[in-house]
Amino acid sequence: RIPDADTADALIAEKVGAGEWARHLNKSDSLFVNASTWGLMLTGRLVRLGEAKDGGTVGSLKRRREADAKAGAAGGSGGGGSGSDTPAR
């Protein structure tokens, strides 16, 4: 099953944020592997910072879905997808 975009983003954020990337740093002779590790460390820290601010990625996703469900029940469009303000083509 392929998840919707919001669920996929939440899953990626959960996995990257939970990673212990620092323990992999400089374990390879490859510059590219070590640069990737730095990138994952930075991304993981940003994800954790965002989770602390908004109550967690999963909490944010649940709030979004609740708002979409309420809008749908009230006859609104419900958003339902990309999270973008740009209309689909």
PDB file of N, CA and C in Angstrom:
ATOM      1  N   ARG A   1       0.841  -1.180   0.000  1.00  0.00           N
ATOM      2  CA  ARG A   1       0.000   0.000   0.000  1.00  0.00           C
ATOM      3  C   ARG A   1       0.880   1.234   0.000  1.00  0.00           C
ATOM      4  N   ILE A   2       0.549   2.192  -0.825  1.00  0.00           N
ATOM      5  CA  ILE A   2       1.302   3.443  -0.912  1.00  0.00           C
ATOM      6  C   ILE A   2       0.586   4.488  -0.068  1.00  0.00           C
ATOM      7  N   PRO A   3       1.295   5.076   0.916  1.00  0.00           N
ATOM      8  CA  PRO A   3       0.637   6.069   1.776  1.00  0.00           C
ATOM      9  C   PRO A   3       0.457   7.403   1.052  1.00  0.00           C
ATOM     10  N   ASP A   4      -0.485   8.210   1.572  1.00  0.00           N
ATOM     11  CA  ASP A   4      -0.645   9.551   1.022  1.00  0.00           C
ATOM     12  C   ASP A   4       0.585  10.380   1.403  1.00  0.00           C
ATOM     13  N   ALA A   5       0.710  11.549   0.806  1.00  0.00           N
ATOM     14  CA  ALA A   5       1.913  12.375   0.976  1.00  0.00           C
ATOM     15  C   ALA A   5       2.158  12.754   2.435  1.00  0.00           C
ATOM     16  N   ASP A   6       1.099  13.110   3.168  1.00  0.00           N
ATOM     17  CA  ASP A   6       1.280  13.501   4.570  1.00  0.00           C
ATOM     18  C   ASP A   6       1.784  12.337   5.414  1.00  0.00           C
ATOM     19  N   THR A   7       1.236  11.153   5.172  1.00  0.00           N
ATOM     20  CA  THR A   7       1.657   9.976   5.921  1.00  0.00           C
ATOM     21  C   THR A   7       3.098   9.602   5.574  1.00  0.00           C
ATOM     22  N   ALA A   8       3.445   9.685   4.303  1.00  0.00           N
ATOM     23  CA  ALA A   8       4.821   9.386   3.887  1.00  0.00           C
ATOM     24  C   ALA A   8       5.797  10.366   4.531  1.00  0.00           C
ATOM     25  N   ASP A   9       5.444  11.652   4.546  1.00  0.00           N
ATOM     26  CA  ASP A   9       6.306  12.657   5.184  1.00  0.00           C
ATOM     27  C   ASP A   9       6.470  12.381   6.676  1.00  0.00           C
ATOM     28  N   ALA A  10       5.387  12.017   7.333  1.00  0.00           N
ATOM     29  CA  ALA A  10       5.449  11.723   8.766  1.00  0.00           C
ATOM     30  C   ALA A  10       6.320  10.496   9.033  1.00  0.00           C
ATOM     31  N   LEU A  11       6.214   9.471   8.202  1.00  0.00           N
ATOM     32  CA  LEU A  11       7.016   8.261   8.368  1.00  0.00           C
ATOM     33  C   LEU A  11       8.500   8.566   8.174  1.00  0.00           C
ATOM     34  N   ILE A  12       8.820   9.325   7.128  1.00  0.00           N
ATOM     35  CA  ILE A  12      10.221   9.681   6.886  1.00  0.00           C
ATOM     36  C   ILE A  12      10.764  10.506   8.038  1.00  0.00           C
ATOM     37  N   ALA A  13       9.997  11.497   8.499  1.00  0.00           N
ATOM     38  CA  ALA A  13      10.432  12.343   9.614  1.00  0.00           C
ATOM     39  C   ALA A  13      10.650  11.517  10.873  1.00  0.00           C
ATOM     40  N   GLU A  14       9.769  10.555  11.109  1.00  0.00           N
ATOM     41  CA  GLU A  14       9.905   9.690  12.289  1.00  0.00           C
ATOM     42  C   GLU A  14      11.193   8.881  12.225  1.00  0.00           C
ATOM     43  N   LYS A  15      11.467   8.300  11.069  1.00  0.00           N
ATOM     44  CA  LYS A  15      12.658   7.453  10.927  1.00  0.00           C
ATOM     45  C   LYS A  15      13.943   8.271  10.972  1.00  0.00           C
ATOM     46  N   VAL A  16      13.964   9.419  10.293  1.00  0.00           N
ATOM     47  CA  VAL A  16      15.167  10.254  10.278  1.00  0.00           C
ATOM     48  C   VAL A  16      15.404  10.872  11.653  1.00  0.00           C
ATOM     49  N   GLY A  17      14.336  11.311  12.302  1.00  0.00           N
ATOM     50  CA  GLY A  17      14.466  11.933  13.617  1.00  0.00           C
ATOM     51  C   GLY A  17      14.916  10.964  14.691  1.00  0.00           C
ATOM     52  N   ALA A  18      14.585   9.699  14.531  1.00  0.00           N
ATOM     53  CA  ALA A  18      14.933   8.698  15.541  1.00  0.00           C
ATOM     54  C   ALA A  18      16.322   8.093  15.318  1.00  0.00           C
ATOM     55  N   GLY A  19      16.911   8.374  14.163  1.00  0.00           N
ATOM     56  CA  GLY A  19      18.214   7.788  13.843  1.00  0.00           C
ATOM     57  C   GLY A  19      19.324   8.297  14.747  1.00  0.00           C
ATOM     58  N   GLU A  20      20.265   7.429  15.041  1.00  0.00           N
ATOM     59  CA  GLU A  20      21.438   7.799  15.838  1.00  0.00           C
ATOM     60  C   GLU A  20      22.604   7.992  14.873  1.00  0.00           C
ATOM     61  N   TRP A  21      22.515   9.053  14.090  1.00  0.00           N
ATOM     62  CA  TRP A  21      23.449   9.267  12.993  1.00  0.00           C
ATOM     63  C   TRP A  21      24.860   9.576  13.471  1.00  0.00           C
ATOM     64  N   ALA A  22      25.003  10.204  14.624  1.00  0.00           N
ATOM     65  CA  ALA A  22      26.336  10.597  15.113  1.00  0.00           C
ATOM     66  C   ALA A  22      27.249   9.384  15.305  1.00  0.00           C
ATOM     67  N   ARG A  23      26.693   8.248  15.651  1.00  0.00           N
ATOM     68  CA  ARG A  23      27.545   7.076  15.867  1.00  0.00           C
ATOM     69  C   ARG A  23      28.105   6.518  14.565  1.00  0.00           C
ATOM     70  N   HIS A  24      27.556   6.968  13.429  1.00  0.00           N
ATOM     71  CA  HIS A  24      28.059   6.531  12.119  1.00  0.00           C
ATOM     72  C   HIS A  24      29.071   7.509  11.528  1.00  0.00           C
ATOM     73  N   LEU A  25      29.210   8.661  12.149  1.00  0.00           N
ATOM     74  CA  LEU A  25      30.072   9.709  11.603  1.00  0.00           C
ATOM     75  C   LEU A  25      31.537   9.270  11.576  1.00  0.00           C
ATOM     76  N   ASN A  26      32.173   9.503  10.450  1.00  0.00           N
ATOM     77  CA  ASN A  26      33.592   9.187  10.222  1.00  0.00           C
ATOM     78  C   ASN A  26      33.924   7.698  10.365  1.00  0.00           C
ATOM     79  N   LYS A  27      32.947   6.846  10.148  1.00  0.00           N
ATOM     80  CA  LYS A  27      33.179   5.402  10.178  1.00  0.00           C
ATOM     81  C   LYS A  27      33.556   4.873   8.801  1.00  0.00           C
ATOM     82  N   SER A  28      33.487   5.745   7.807  1.00  0.00           N
ATOM     83  CA  SER A  28      33.804   5.336   6.445  1.00  0.00           C
ATOM     84  C   SER A  28      34.963   6.171   5.912  1.00  0.00           C
ATOM     85  N   ASP A  29      35.701   5.595   4.985  1.00  0.00           N
ATOM     86  CA  ASP A  29      36.766   6.328   4.311  1.00  0.00           C
ATOM     87  C   ASP A  29      36.203   7.233   3.209  1.00  0.00           C
ATOM     88  N   SER A  30      34.946   7.040   2.868  1.00  0.00           N
ATOM     89  CA  SER A  30      34.326   7.788   1.780  1.00  0.00           C
ATOM     90  C   SER A  30      33.859   9.168   2.244  1.00  0.00           C
ATOM     91  N   LEU A  31      34.298  10.195   1.541  1.00  0.00           N
ATOM     92  CA  LEU A  31      33.854  11.556   1.810  1.00  0.00           C
ATOM     93  C   LEU A  31      32.345  11.665   1.638  1.00  0.00           C
ATOM     94  N   PHE A  32      31.805  10.990   0.635  1.00  0.00           N
ATOM     95  CA  PHE A  32      30.385  11.080   0.350  1.00  0.00           C
ATOM     96  C   PHE A  32      29.534  10.423   1.438  1.00  0.00           C
ATOM     97  N   VAL A  33      29.994   9.308   1.968  1.00  0.00           N
ATOM     98  CA  VAL A  33      29.275   8.647   3.052  1.00  0.00           C
ATOM     99  C   VAL A  33      29.277   9.542   4.292  1.00  0.00           C
ATOM    100  N   ASN A  34      30.421  10.125   4.608  1.00  0.00           N
ATOM    101  CA  ASN A  34      30.506  10.992   5.777  1.00  0.00           C
ATOM    102  C   ASN A  34      29.695  12.273   5.594  1.00  0.00           C
ATOM    103  N   ALA A  35      29.686  12.830   4.376  1.00  0.00           N
ATOM    104  CA  ALA A  35      28.869  14.012   4.104  1.00  0.00           C
ATOM    105  C   ALA A  35      27.386  13.681   4.233  1.00  0.00           C
ATOM    106  N   SER A  36      26.997  12.504   3.765  1.00  0.00           N
ATOM    107  CA  SER A  36      25.604  12.066   3.905  1.00  0.00           C
ATOM    108  C   SER A  36      25.230  11.908   5.365  1.00  0.00           C
ATOM    109  N   THR A  37      26.160  11.386   6.155  1.00  0.00           N
ATOM    110  CA  THR A  37      25.915  11.221   7.584  1.00  0.00           C
ATOM    111  C   THR A  37      25.698  12.582   8.247  1.00  0.00           C
ATOM    112  N   TRP A  38      26.514  13.560   7.890  1.00  0.00           N
ATOM    113  CA  TRP A  38      26.331  14.922   8.420  1.00  0.00           C
ATOM    114  C   TRP A  38      24.948  15.445   8.039  1.00  0.00           C
ATOM    115  N   GLY A  39      24.553  15.225   6.798  1.00  0.00           N
ATOM    116  CA  GLY A  39      23.243  15.672   6.339  1.00  0.00           C
ATOM    117  C   GLY A  39      22.110  15.022   7.116  1.00  0.00           C
ATOM    118  N   LEU A  40      22.228  13.725   7.372  1.00  0.00           N
ATOM    119  CA  LEU A  40      21.201  13.025   8.149  1.00  0.00           C
ATOM    120  C   LEU A  40      21.190  13.493   9.597  1.00  0.00           C
ATOM    121  N   MET A  41      22.374  13.783  10.155  1.00  0.00           N
ATOM    122  CA  MET A  41      22.436  14.312  11.535  1.00  0.00           C
ATOM    123  C   MET A  41      21.705  15.645  11.623  1.00  0.00           C
ATOM    124  N   LEU A  42      21.980  16.544  10.681  1.00  0.00           N
ATOM    125  CA  LEU A  42      21.351  17.860  10.684  1.00  0.00           C
ATOM    126  C   LEU A  42      19.846  17.741  10.488  1.00  0.00           C
ATOM    127  N   THR A  43      19.445  16.920   9.526  1.00  0.00           N
ATOM    128  CA  THR A  43      18.023  16.729   9.265  1.00  0.00           C
ATOM    129  C   THR A  43      17.320  16.138  10.483  1.00  0.00           C
ATOM    130  N   GLY A  44      17.943  15.155  11.121  1.00  0.00           N
ATOM    131  CA  GLY A  44      17.354  14.550  12.314  1.00  0.00           C
ATOM    132  C   GLY A  44      17.174  15.565  13.429  1.00  0.00           C
ATOM    133  N   ARG A  45      18.151  16.437  13.600  1.00  0.00           N
ATOM    134  CA  ARG A  45      18.028  17.468  14.640  1.00  0.00           C
ATOM    135  C   ARG A  45      16.917  18.452  14.315  1.00  0.00           C
ATOM    136  N   LEU A  46      16.790  18.830  13.050  1.00  0.00           N
ATOM    137  CA  LEU A  46      15.716  19.740  12.661  1.00  0.00           C
ATOM    138  C   LEU A  46      14.348  19.105  12.856  1.00  0.00           C
ATOM    139  N   VAL A  47      14.243  17.818  12.541  1.00  0.00           N
ATOM    140  CA  VAL A  47      12.979  17.106  12.728  1.00  0.00           C
ATOM    141  C   VAL A  47      12.623  17.065  14.216  1.00  0.00           C
ATOM    142  N   ARG A  48      13.600  16.735  15.057  1.00  0.00           N
ATOM    143  CA  ARG A  48      13.333  16.678  16.499  1.00  0.00           C
ATOM    144  C   ARG A  48      12.967  18.056  17.041  1.00  0.00           C
ATOM    145  N   LEU A  49      13.610  19.094  16.533  1.00  0.00           N
ATOM    146  CA  LEU A  49      13.286  20.453  16.950  1.00  0.00           C
ATOM    147  C   LEU A  49      11.847  20.784  16.575  1.00  0.00           C
ATOM    148  N   GLY A  50      11.449  20.411  15.362  1.00  0.00           N
ATOM    149  CA  GLY A  50      10.072  20.633  14.922  1.00  0.00           C
ATOM    150  C   GLY A  50       9.066  19.852  15.743  1.00  0.00           C
ATOM    151  N   GLU A  51       9.418  18.631  16.113  1.00  0.00           N
ATOM    152  CA  GLU A  51       8.531  17.815  16.943  1.00  0.00           C
ATOM    153  C   GLU A  51       8.348  18.436  18.316  1.00  0.00           C
ATOM    154  N   ALA A  52       9.417  18.947  18.883  1.00  0.00           N
ATOM    155  CA  ALA A  52       9.321  19.578  20.202  1.00  0.00           C
ATOM    156  C   ALA A  52       8.432  20.814  20.136  1.00  0.00           C
ATOM    157  N   LYS A  53       8.490  21.509  19.027  1.00  0.00           N
ATOM    158  CA  LYS A  53       7.718  22.738  18.873  1.00  0.00           C
ATOM    159  C   LYS A  53       6.232  22.458  18.660  1.00  0.00           C
ATOM    160  N   ASP A  54       5.889  21.443  17.838  1.00  0.00           N
ATOM    161  CA  ASP A  54       4.480  21.213  17.494  1.00  0.00           C
ATOM    162  C   ASP A  54       3.874  19.975  18.143  1.00  0.00           C
ATOM    163  N   GLY A  55       4.571  19.367  19.075  1.00  0.00           N
ATOM    164  CA  GLY A  55       4.019  18.206  19.752  1.00  0.00           C
ATOM    165  C   GLY A  55       4.265  16.907  19.013  1.00  0.00           C
ATOM    166  N   GLY A  56       5.122  16.917  18.035  1.00  0.00           N
ATOM    167  CA  GLY A  56       5.469  15.685  17.330  1.00  0.00           C
ATOM    168  C   GLY A  56       4.891  15.630  15.936  1.00  0.00           C
ATOM    169  N   THR A  57       5.574  14.914  15.082  1.00  0.00           N
ATOM    170  CA  THR A  57       5.152  14.775  13.695  1.00  0.00           C
ATOM    171  C   THR A  57       3.813  14.065  13.615  1.00  0.00           C
ATOM    172  N   VAL A  58       3.670  13.008  14.377  1.00  0.00           N
ATOM    173  CA  VAL A  58       2.422  12.252  14.350  1.00  0.00           C
ATOM    174  C   VAL A  58       1.281  13.103  14.895  1.00  0.00           C
ATOM    175  N   GLY A  59       1.559  13.861  15.959  1.00  0.00           N
ATOM    176  CA  GLY A  59       0.536  14.750  16.518  1.00  0.00           C
ATOM    177  C   GLY A  59       0.103  15.795  15.516  1.00  0.00           C
ATOM    178  N   SER A  60       1.056  16.330  14.779  1.00  0.00           N
ATOM    179  CA  SER A  60       0.758  17.322  13.755  1.00  0.00           C
ATOM    180  C   SER A  60      -0.100  16.707  12.651  1.00  0.00           C
ATOM    181  N   LEU A  61       0.235  15.495  12.239  1.00  0.00           N
ATOM    182  CA  LEU A  61      -0.522  14.811  11.202  1.00  0.00           C
ATOM    183  C   LEU A  61      -1.953  14.540  11.670  1.00  0.00           C
ATOM    184  N   LYS A  62      -2.112  14.104  12.910  1.00  0.00           N
ATOM    185  CA  LYS A  62      -3.449  13.841  13.445  1.00  0.00           C
ATOM    186  C   LYS A  62      -4.285  15.119  13.474  1.00  0.00           C
ATOM    187  N   ARG A  63      -3.671  16.243  13.905  1.00  0.00           N
ATOM    188  CA  ARG A  63      -4.409  17.504  13.942  1.00  0.00           C
ATOM    189  C   ARG A  63      -4.844  17.913  12.543  1.00  0.00           C
ATOM    190  N   ARG A  64      -3.988  17.700  11.559  1.00  0.00           N
ATOM    191  CA  ARG A  64      -4.319  18.037  10.175  1.00  0.00           C
ATOM    192  C   ARG A  64      -5.498  17.196   9.692  1.00  0.00           C
ATOM    193  N   ARG A  65      -5.457  15.913   9.983  1.00  0.00           N
ATOM    194  CA  ARG A  65      -6.546  15.033   9.545  1.00  0.00           C
ATOM    195  C   ARG A  65      -7.864  15.393  10.230  1.00  0.00           C
ATOM    196  N   GLU A  66      -7.797  15.738  11.515  1.00  0.00           N
ATOM    197  CA  GLU A  66      -9.009  16.140  12.221  1.00  0.00           C
ATOM    198  C   GLU A  66      -9.601  17.395  11.595  1.00  0.00           C
ATOM    199  N   ALA A  67      -8.749  18.352  11.253  1.00  0.00           N
ATOM    200  CA  ALA A  67      -9.224  19.581  10.615  1.00  0.00           C
ATOM    201  C   ALA A  67      -9.834  19.270   9.248  1.00  0.00           C
ATOM    202  N   ASP A  68      -9.204  18.380   8.491  1.00  0.00           N
ATOM    203  CA  ASP A  68      -9.742  17.991   7.185  1.00  0.00           C
ATOM    204  C   ASP A  68     -11.099  17.310   7.332  1.00  0.00           C
ATOM    205  N   ALA A  69     -11.215  16.438   8.322  1.00  0.00           N
ATOM    206  CA  ALA A  69     -12.478  15.734   8.544  1.00  0.00           C
ATOM    207  C   ALA A  69     -13.581  16.708   8.938  1.00  0.00           C
ATOM    208  N   LYS A  70     -13.251  17.666   9.793  1.00  0.00           N
ATOM    209  CA  LYS A  70     -14.243  18.665  10.200  1.00  0.00           C
ATOM    210  C   LYS A  70     -14.671  19.522   9.019  1.00  0.00           C
ATOM    211  N   ALA A  71     -13.715  19.917   8.188  1.00  0.00           N
ATOM    212  CA  ALA A  71     -14.039  20.719   7.013  1.00  0.00           C
ATOM    213  C   ALA A  71     -14.908  19.920   6.049  1.00  0.00           C
ATOM    214  N   GLY A  72     -14.618  18.636   5.890  1.00  0.00           N
ATOM    215  CA  GLY A  72     -15.412  17.785   5.018  1.00  0.00           C
ATOM    216  C   GLY A  72     -16.829  17.610   5.537  1.00  0.00           C
ATOM    217  N   ALA A  73     -16.982  17.466   6.846  1.00  0.00           N
ATOM    218  CA  ALA A  73     -18.298  17.306   7.451  1.00  0.00           C
ATOM    219  C   ALA A  73     -19.117  18.583   7.320  1.00  0.00           C
ATOM    220  N   ALA A  74     -18.427  19.726   7.280  1.00  0.00           N
ATOM    221  CA  ALA A  74     -19.107  21.011   7.161  1.00  0.00           C
ATOM    222  C   ALA A  74     -19.353  21.394   5.703  1.00  0.00           C
ATOM    223  N   GLY A  75     -18.966  20.507   4.782  1.00  0.00           N
ATOM    224  CA  GLY A  75     -19.185  20.781   3.370  1.00  0.00           C
ATOM    225  C   GLY A  75     -18.010  21.446   2.684  1.00  0.00           C
ATOM    226  N   GLY A  76     -16.885  21.558   3.392  1.00  0.00           N
ATOM    227  CA  GLY A  76     -15.690  22.168   2.790  1.00  0.00           C
ATOM    228  C   GLY A  76     -14.959  21.169   1.934  1.00  0.00           C
ATOM    229  N   SER A  77     -13.892  21.634   1.338  1.00  0.00           N
ATOM    230  CA  SER A  77     -13.133  20.760   0.448  1.00  0.00           C
ATOM    231  C   SER A  77     -12.341  19.723   1.210  1.00  0.00           C
ATOM    232  N   GLY A  78     -11.966  20.035   2.465  1.00  0.00           N
ATOM    233  CA  GLY A  78     -11.242  19.079   3.278  1.00  0.00           C
ATOM    234  C   GLY A  78      -9.777  18.994   2.972  1.00  0.00           C
ATOM    235  N   GLY A  79      -9.290  19.792   2.060  1.00  0.00           N
ATOM    236  CA  GLY A  79      -7.853  19.769   1.780  1.00  0.00           C
ATOM    237  C   GLY A  79      -7.461  18.478   1.116  1.00  0.00           C
ATOM    238  N   GLY A  80      -7.291  17.461   1.904  1.00  0.00           N
ATOM    239  CA  GLY A  80      -7.151  16.112   1.442  1.00  0.00           C
ATOM    240  C   GLY A  80      -5.873  15.715   0.770  1.00  0.00           C
ATOM    241  N   GLY A  81      -4.828  16.489   0.834  1.00  0.00           N
ATOM    242  CA  GLY A  81      -3.728  15.931   0.079  1.00  0.00           C
ATOM    243  C   GLY A  81      -2.399  16.535   0.330  1.00  0.00           C
ATOM    244  N   SER A  82      -1.922  17.265  -0.628  1.00  0.00           N
ATOM    245  CA  SER A  82      -0.519  17.624  -0.664  1.00  0.00           C
ATOM    246  C   SER A  82      -0.096  18.577   0.428  1.00  0.00           C
ATOM    247  N   GLY A  83      -1.025  19.282   1.052  1.00  0.00           N
ATOM    248  CA  GLY A  83      -0.638  20.256   2.039  1.00  0.00           C
ATOM    249  C   GLY A  83      -0.172  21.548   1.402  1.00  0.00           C
ATOM    250  N   SER A  84      -0.270  21.636   0.109  1.00  0.00           N
ATOM    251  CA  SER A  84       0.173  22.809  -0.616  1.00  0.00           C
ATOM    252  C   SER A  84      -0.984  23.727  -0.873  1.00  0.00           C
ATOM    253  N   ASP A  85      -0.714  25.009  -0.922  1.00  0.00           N
ATOM    254  CA  ASP A  85      -1.742  25.982  -1.252  1.00  0.00           C
ATOM    255  C   ASP A  85      -1.932  26.115  -2.760  1.00  0.00           C
ATOM    256  N   THR A  86      -1.083  25.449  -3.510  1.00  0.00           N
ATOM    257  CA  THR A  86      -1.152  25.508  -4.959  1.00  0.00           C
ATOM    258  C   THR A  86      -2.181  24.506  -5.455  1.00  0.00           C
ATOM    259  N   PRO A  87      -3.135  24.951  -6.285  1.00  0.00           N
ATOM    260  CA  PRO A  87      -4.144  24.002  -6.782  1.00  0.00           C
ATOM    261  C   PRO A  87      -3.531  22.944  -7.680  1.00  0.00           C
ATOM    262  N   ALA A  88      -4.124  21.758  -7.632  1.00  0.00           N
ATOM    263  CA  ALA A  88      -3.644  20.658  -8.482  1.00  0.00           C
ATOM    264  C   ALA A  88      -3.964  20.958  -9.922  1.00  0.00           C
ATOM    265  N   ARG A  89      -3.112  20.465 -10.836  1.00  0.00           N
ATOM    266  CA  ARG A  89      -3.355  20.689 -12.270  1.00  0.00           C
ATOM    267  C   ARG A  89      -3.904  19.454 -12.901  1.00  0.00           C
TER     268      ARG A  89
END
